[in-house]
Structures are given as structure tokens and as C-alpha cells.
Amino acid sequence: MQHFTLKVKQMFHSISRRITMGFYALAFLLLILAAFTLSDLRYLTEHTQQGSIVSTLVEQVMEMRRQEKNYLLYQQKSELTMAMQQTNAIEQLLKRNRSLFLTLVGELAYDQLYKKVGEYRMILTQLQPRLDVEG
């Protein structure tokens, strides 16, 4: 009988150890899964923020062009002023997020875009005295 009791104790001990090791393995797998999930979440957050910045740039350019159109059609000085402010905001956005835009479009395209925005601002600035004379 003692021999049977010893075997049962060893078997129970072995099963208990296996169950414990199984729980440890599951906990380890859950930690790995959580790490991958956190990594994906950070990746998605970063790309969402980058998309938001690009979207803001597009919206600002469209708004600037709308204001320019309104100025040219209706000769409203306030529209020209707002277009100039929008141009300055676009330049600031490009400066603040230079590394992002360099990554997305490359240095040559970024430099060309920044230069074109500056040229556009100069054209709007040249329209200002003409408006003062006509208005």
C-alpha cells in the first residue's frame, strides 16, 4: 500500500508540475503577444499622426488656393490677407515637419515644394500694393 501511495504522490506532483509549467508557458506567450500588440499600436499611432500632418498640409493648400480665387474674383483684400497667412502657416508646417516630408517625398521634392510656397508668398506680396492702389 505504501508503494501505491508513493506512486500516487509522485504522479500528482508530476501533474502539478506540468500544470504549473503550462501556466508559465501561457503567461510567457501572453507577454509576447502583448509586446507585439503594443508595437503594432505604436506603429499605427505614428502613421496616423503622419497622415494627419499630410492631411493638414493638403487642407491648408486648398484653403490658400480658395482664398486666392476669392481675391481674384471678388477683389476682397481680406481674402488676400488670409491667403498670405495661410501661406505662412504652410511654410511653418513644412519647417516643423521637415524630417517627415523628407522621408515621404525625398529631399529634392521637399526643397522644390518649399521653394514654390515661398515663390507663391512673394506673388501674393506683390499683389498687395496693387490692391492698395486699386482699392
C-alpha atoms as a PDB file:
ATOM      1  CA  MET A   1       0.000   0.000   0.000  1.00  0.00           C
ATOM      2  CA  GLN A   2       2.826   2.352   0.771  1.00  0.00           C
ATOM      3  CA  HIS A   3       4.264   1.755  -2.664  1.00  0.00           C
ATOM      4  CA  PHE A   4       0.930   2.667  -4.245  1.00  0.00           C
ATOM      5  CA  THR A   5       0.662   5.860  -2.124  1.00  0.00           C
ATOM      6  CA  LEU A   6       4.189   6.882  -3.129  1.00  0.00           C
ATOM      7  CA  LYS A   7       3.376   6.390  -6.819  1.00  0.00           C
ATOM      8  CA  VAL A   8       0.191   8.467  -6.469  1.00  0.00           C
ATOM      9  CA  LYS A   9       2.132  11.258  -4.740  1.00  0.00           C
ATOM     10  CA  GLN A  10       4.798  11.227  -7.468  1.00  0.00           C
ATOM     11  CA  MET A  11       2.158  11.204 -10.164  1.00  0.00           C
ATOM     12  CA  PHE A  12       0.269  14.076  -8.500  1.00  0.00           C
ATOM     13  CA  HIS A  13       3.495  16.000  -8.082  1.00  0.00           C
ATOM     14  CA  SER A  14       4.335  15.425 -11.733  1.00  0.00           C
ATOM     15  CA  ILE A  15       0.870  16.528 -12.909  1.00  0.00           C
ATOM     16  CA  SER A  16       1.035  19.581 -10.651  1.00  0.00           C
ATOM     17  CA  ARG A  17       4.421  20.493 -12.090  1.00  0.00           C
ATOM     18  CA  ARG A  18       3.142  20.069 -15.643  1.00  0.00           C
ATOM     19  CA  ILE A  19       0.131  22.267 -14.963  1.00  0.00           C
ATOM     20  CA  THR A  20       2.347  24.913 -13.376  1.00  0.00           C
ATOM     21  CA  MET A  21       4.753  24.829 -16.315  1.00  0.00           C
ATOM     22  CA  GLY A  22       1.779  25.070 -18.691  1.00  0.00           C
ATOM     23  CA  PHE A  23       0.552  28.198 -16.917  1.00  0.00           C
ATOM     24  CA  TYR A  24       4.035  29.707 -17.072  1.00  0.00           C
ATOM     25  CA  ALA A  25       4.219  28.948 -20.788  1.00  0.00           C
ATOM     26  CA  LEU A  26       0.800  30.564 -21.358  1.00  0.00           C
ATOM     27  CA  ALA A  27       1.809  33.620 -19.344  1.00  0.00           C
ATOM     28  CA  PHE A  28       5.008  33.935 -21.389  1.00  0.00           C
ATOM     29  CA  LEU A  29       3.059  33.650 -24.650  1.00  0.00           C
ATOM     30  CA  LEU A  30       0.612  36.295 -23.449  1.00  0.00           C
ATOM     31  CA  LEU A  31       3.502  38.632 -22.640  1.00  0.00           C
ATOM     32  CA  ILE A  32       4.948  38.135 -26.123  1.00  0.00           C
ATOM     33  CA  LEU A  33       1.523  38.749 -27.681  1.00  0.00           C
ATOM     34  CA  ALA A  34       1.104  41.903 -25.593  1.00  0.00           C
ATOM     35  CA  ALA A  35       4.532  43.153 -26.714  1.00  0.00           C
ATOM     36  CA  PHE A  36       3.652  42.609 -30.383  1.00  0.00           C
ATOM     37  CA  THR A  37       0.297  44.322 -29.893  1.00  0.00           C
ATOM     38  CA  LEU A  38       1.933  47.309 -28.213  1.00  0.00           C
ATOM     39  CA  SER A  39       4.473  47.527 -31.015  1.00  0.00           C
ATOM     40  CA  ASP A  40       1.704  47.485 -33.642  1.00  0.00           C
ATOM     41  CA  LEU A  41      -0.238  50.114 -31.724  1.00  0.00           C
ATOM     42  CA  ARG A  42       2.776  52.429 -31.637  1.00  0.00           C
ATOM     43  CA  TYR A  43       3.329  51.884 -35.365  1.00  0.00           C
ATOM     44  CA  LEU A  44      -0.302  52.683 -36.164  1.00  0.00           C
ATOM     45  CA  THR A  45      -0.291  55.739 -33.910  1.00  0.00           C
ATOM     46  CA  GLU A  46       2.833  57.096 -35.601  1.00  0.00           C
ATOM     47  CA  HIS A  47       1.425  56.561 -39.082  1.00  0.00           C
ATOM     48  CA  THR A  48      -1.912  58.084 -38.095  1.00  0.00           C
ATOM     49  CA  GLN A  49      -0.120  61.185 -36.823  1.00  0.00           C
ATOM     50  CA  GLN A  50       1.915  61.391 -40.032  1.00  0.00           C
ATOM     51  CA  GLY A  51      -1.250  61.048 -42.105  1.00  0.00           C
ATOM     52  CA  SER A  52      -2.848  63.804 -40.078  1.00  0.00           C
ATOM     53  CA  ILE A  53       0.074  66.140 -40.783  1.00  0.00           C
ATOM     54  CA  VAL A  54      -0.062  65.418 -44.511  1.00  0.00           C
ATOM     55  CA  SER A  55      -3.830  65.899 -44.484  1.00  0.00           C
ATOM     56  CA  THR A  56      -3.386  69.239 -42.709  1.00  0.00           C
ATOM     57  CA  LEU A  57      -0.928  70.331 -45.396  1.00  0.00           C
ATOM     58  CA  VAL A  58      -3.362  69.417 -48.179  1.00  0.00           C
ATOM     59  CA  GLU A  59      -6.233  71.202 -46.424  1.00  0.00           C
ATOM     60  CA  GLN A  60      -4.139  74.335 -45.902  1.00  0.00           C
ATOM     61  CA  VAL A  61      -3.051  74.409 -49.538  1.00  0.00           C
ATOM     62  CA  MET A  62      -6.648  74.017 -50.698  1.00  0.00           C
ATOM     63  CA  GLU A  63      -7.797  76.770 -48.343  1.00  0.00           C
ATOM     64  CA  MET A  64      -5.000  79.063 -49.536  1.00  0.00           C
ATOM     65  CA  ARG A  65      -5.984  78.489 -53.158  1.00  0.00           C
ATOM     66  CA  ARG A  66      -9.660  79.099 -52.342  1.00  0.00           C
ATOM     67  CA  GLN A  67      -8.787  82.405 -50.715  1.00  0.00           C
ATOM     68  CA  GLU A  68      -6.625  83.363 -53.681  1.00  0.00           C
ATOM     69  CA  LYS A  69      -9.507  82.551 -56.047  1.00  0.00           C
ATOM     70  CA  ASN A  70     -11.904  84.639 -53.971  1.00  0.00           C
ATOM     71  CA  TYR A  71      -9.469  87.536 -54.008  1.00  0.00           C
ATOM     72  CA  LEU A  72      -9.049  87.346 -57.777  1.00  0.00           C
ATOM     73  CA  LEU A  73     -12.791  87.050 -58.402  1.00  0.00           C
ATOM     74  CA  TYR A  74     -14.149  89.497 -55.858  1.00  0.00           C
ATOM     75  CA  GLN A  75     -11.112  91.722 -55.122  1.00  0.00           C
ATOM     76  CA  GLN A  76     -11.603  91.318 -51.376  1.00  0.00           C
ATOM     77  CA  LYS A  77      -8.497  92.449 -49.531  1.00  0.00           C
ATOM     78  CA  SER A  78      -9.335  90.210 -46.569  1.00  0.00           C
ATOM     79  CA  GLU A  79      -9.077  87.131 -48.805  1.00  0.00           C
ATOM     80  CA  LEU A  80      -5.587  88.129 -49.929  1.00  0.00           C
ATOM     81  CA  THR A  81      -4.553  88.701 -46.327  1.00  0.00           C
ATOM     82  CA  MET A  82      -5.935  85.306 -45.321  1.00  0.00           C
ATOM     83  CA  ALA A  83      -4.180  83.644 -48.275  1.00  0.00           C
ATOM     84  CA  MET A  84      -0.890  85.177 -47.137  1.00  0.00           C
ATOM     85  CA  GLN A  85      -1.482  83.976 -43.582  1.00  0.00           C
ATOM     86  CA  GLN A  86      -2.268  80.510 -44.901  1.00  0.00           C
ATOM     87  CA  THR A  87       0.963  80.552 -46.934  1.00  0.00           C
ATOM     88  CA  ASN A  88       2.932  81.410 -43.803  1.00  0.00           C
ATOM     89  CA  ALA A  89       1.176  78.577 -41.939  1.00  0.00           C
ATOM     90  CA  ILE A  90       2.109  76.155 -44.732  1.00  0.00           C
ATOM     91  CA  GLU A  91       5.755  77.224 -44.560  1.00  0.00           C
ATOM     92  CA  GLN A  92       5.737  76.721 -40.786  1.00  0.00           C
ATOM     93  CA  LEU A  93       4.130  73.285 -41.161  1.00  0.00           C
ATOM     94  CA  LEU A  94       6.773  72.283 -43.698  1.00  0.00           C
ATOM     95  CA  LYS A  95       9.580  73.529 -41.424  1.00  0.00           C
ATOM     96  CA  ARG A  96       8.205  71.831 -38.301  1.00  0.00           C
ATOM     97  CA  ASN A  97       7.770  68.503 -40.060  1.00  0.00           C
ATOM     98  CA  ARG A  98      10.781  68.594 -42.360  1.00  0.00           C
ATOM     99  CA  SER A  99      12.025  65.136 -41.404  1.00  0.00           C
ATOM    100  CA  LEU A 100       8.611  63.596 -42.081  1.00  0.00           C
ATOM    101  CA  PHE A 101       8.319  65.182 -45.524  1.00  0.00           C
ATOM    102  CA  LEU A 102      11.911  64.261 -46.367  1.00  0.00           C
ATOM    103  CA  THR A 103      11.084  60.660 -45.540  1.00  0.00           C
ATOM    104  CA  LEU A 104       7.879  60.725 -47.583  1.00  0.00           C
ATOM    105  CA  VAL A 105       8.948  62.594 -50.724  1.00  0.00           C
ATOM    106  CA  GLY A 106      12.719  62.963 -50.595  1.00  0.00           C
ATOM    107  CA  GLU A 107      14.946  65.998 -50.313  1.00  0.00           C
ATOM    108  CA  LEU A 108      14.597  67.230 -53.887  1.00  0.00           C
ATOM    109  CA  ALA A 109      10.785  67.225 -53.874  1.00  0.00           C
ATOM    110  CA  TYR A 110      10.691  68.793 -50.401  1.00  0.00           C
ATOM    111  CA  ASP A 111      13.058  71.584 -51.433  1.00  0.00           C
ATOM    112  CA  GLN A 112      11.029  72.237 -54.583  1.00  0.00           C
ATOM    113  CA  LEU A 113       7.774  72.367 -52.623  1.00  0.00           C
ATOM    114  CA  TYR A 114       9.219  74.704 -50.012  1.00  0.00           C
ATOM    115  CA  LYS A 115      10.648  76.931 -52.750  1.00  0.00           C
ATOM    116  CA  LYS A 116       7.299  77.021 -54.590  1.00  0.00           C
ATOM    117  CA  VAL A 117       5.460  78.022 -51.432  1.00  0.00           C
ATOM    118  CA  GLY A 118       7.972  80.853 -50.941  1.00  0.00           C
ATOM    119  CA  GLU A 119       7.516  81.960 -54.553  1.00  0.00           C
ATOM    120  CA  TYR A 120       3.753  81.858 -54.106  1.00  0.00           C
ATOM    121  CA  ARG A 121       4.043  84.040 -50.994  1.00  0.00           C
ATOM    122  CA  MET A 122       6.140  86.537 -52.982  1.00  0.00           C
ATOM    123  CA  ILE A 123       3.483  86.678 -55.724  1.00  0.00           C
ATOM    124  CA  LEU A 124       0.805  87.346 -53.112  1.00  0.00           C
ATOM    125  CA  THR A 125       3.022  90.032 -51.571  1.00  0.00           C
ATOM    126  CA  GLN A 126       3.356  91.690 -54.989  1.00  0.00           C
ATOM    127  CA  LEU A 127      -0.443  91.767 -55.307  1.00  0.00           C
ATOM    128  CA  GLN A 128      -0.789  93.665 -52.025  1.00  0.00           C
ATOM    129  CA  PRO A 129       0.454  97.090 -53.300  1.00  0.00           C
ATOM    130  CA  ARG A 130      -1.683  96.711 -56.418  1.00  0.00           C
ATOM    131  CA  LEU A 131      -4.720  96.177 -54.254  1.00  0.00           C
ATOM    132  CA  ASP A 132      -3.874  99.235 -52.142  1.00  0.00           C
ATOM    133  CA  VAL A 133      -3.658 101.384 -55.289  1.00  0.00           C
ATOM    134  CA  GLU A 134      -6.875  99.995 -56.823  1.00  0.00           C
ATOM    135  CA  GLY A 135      -8.846  99.765 -53.576  1.00  0.00           C
END
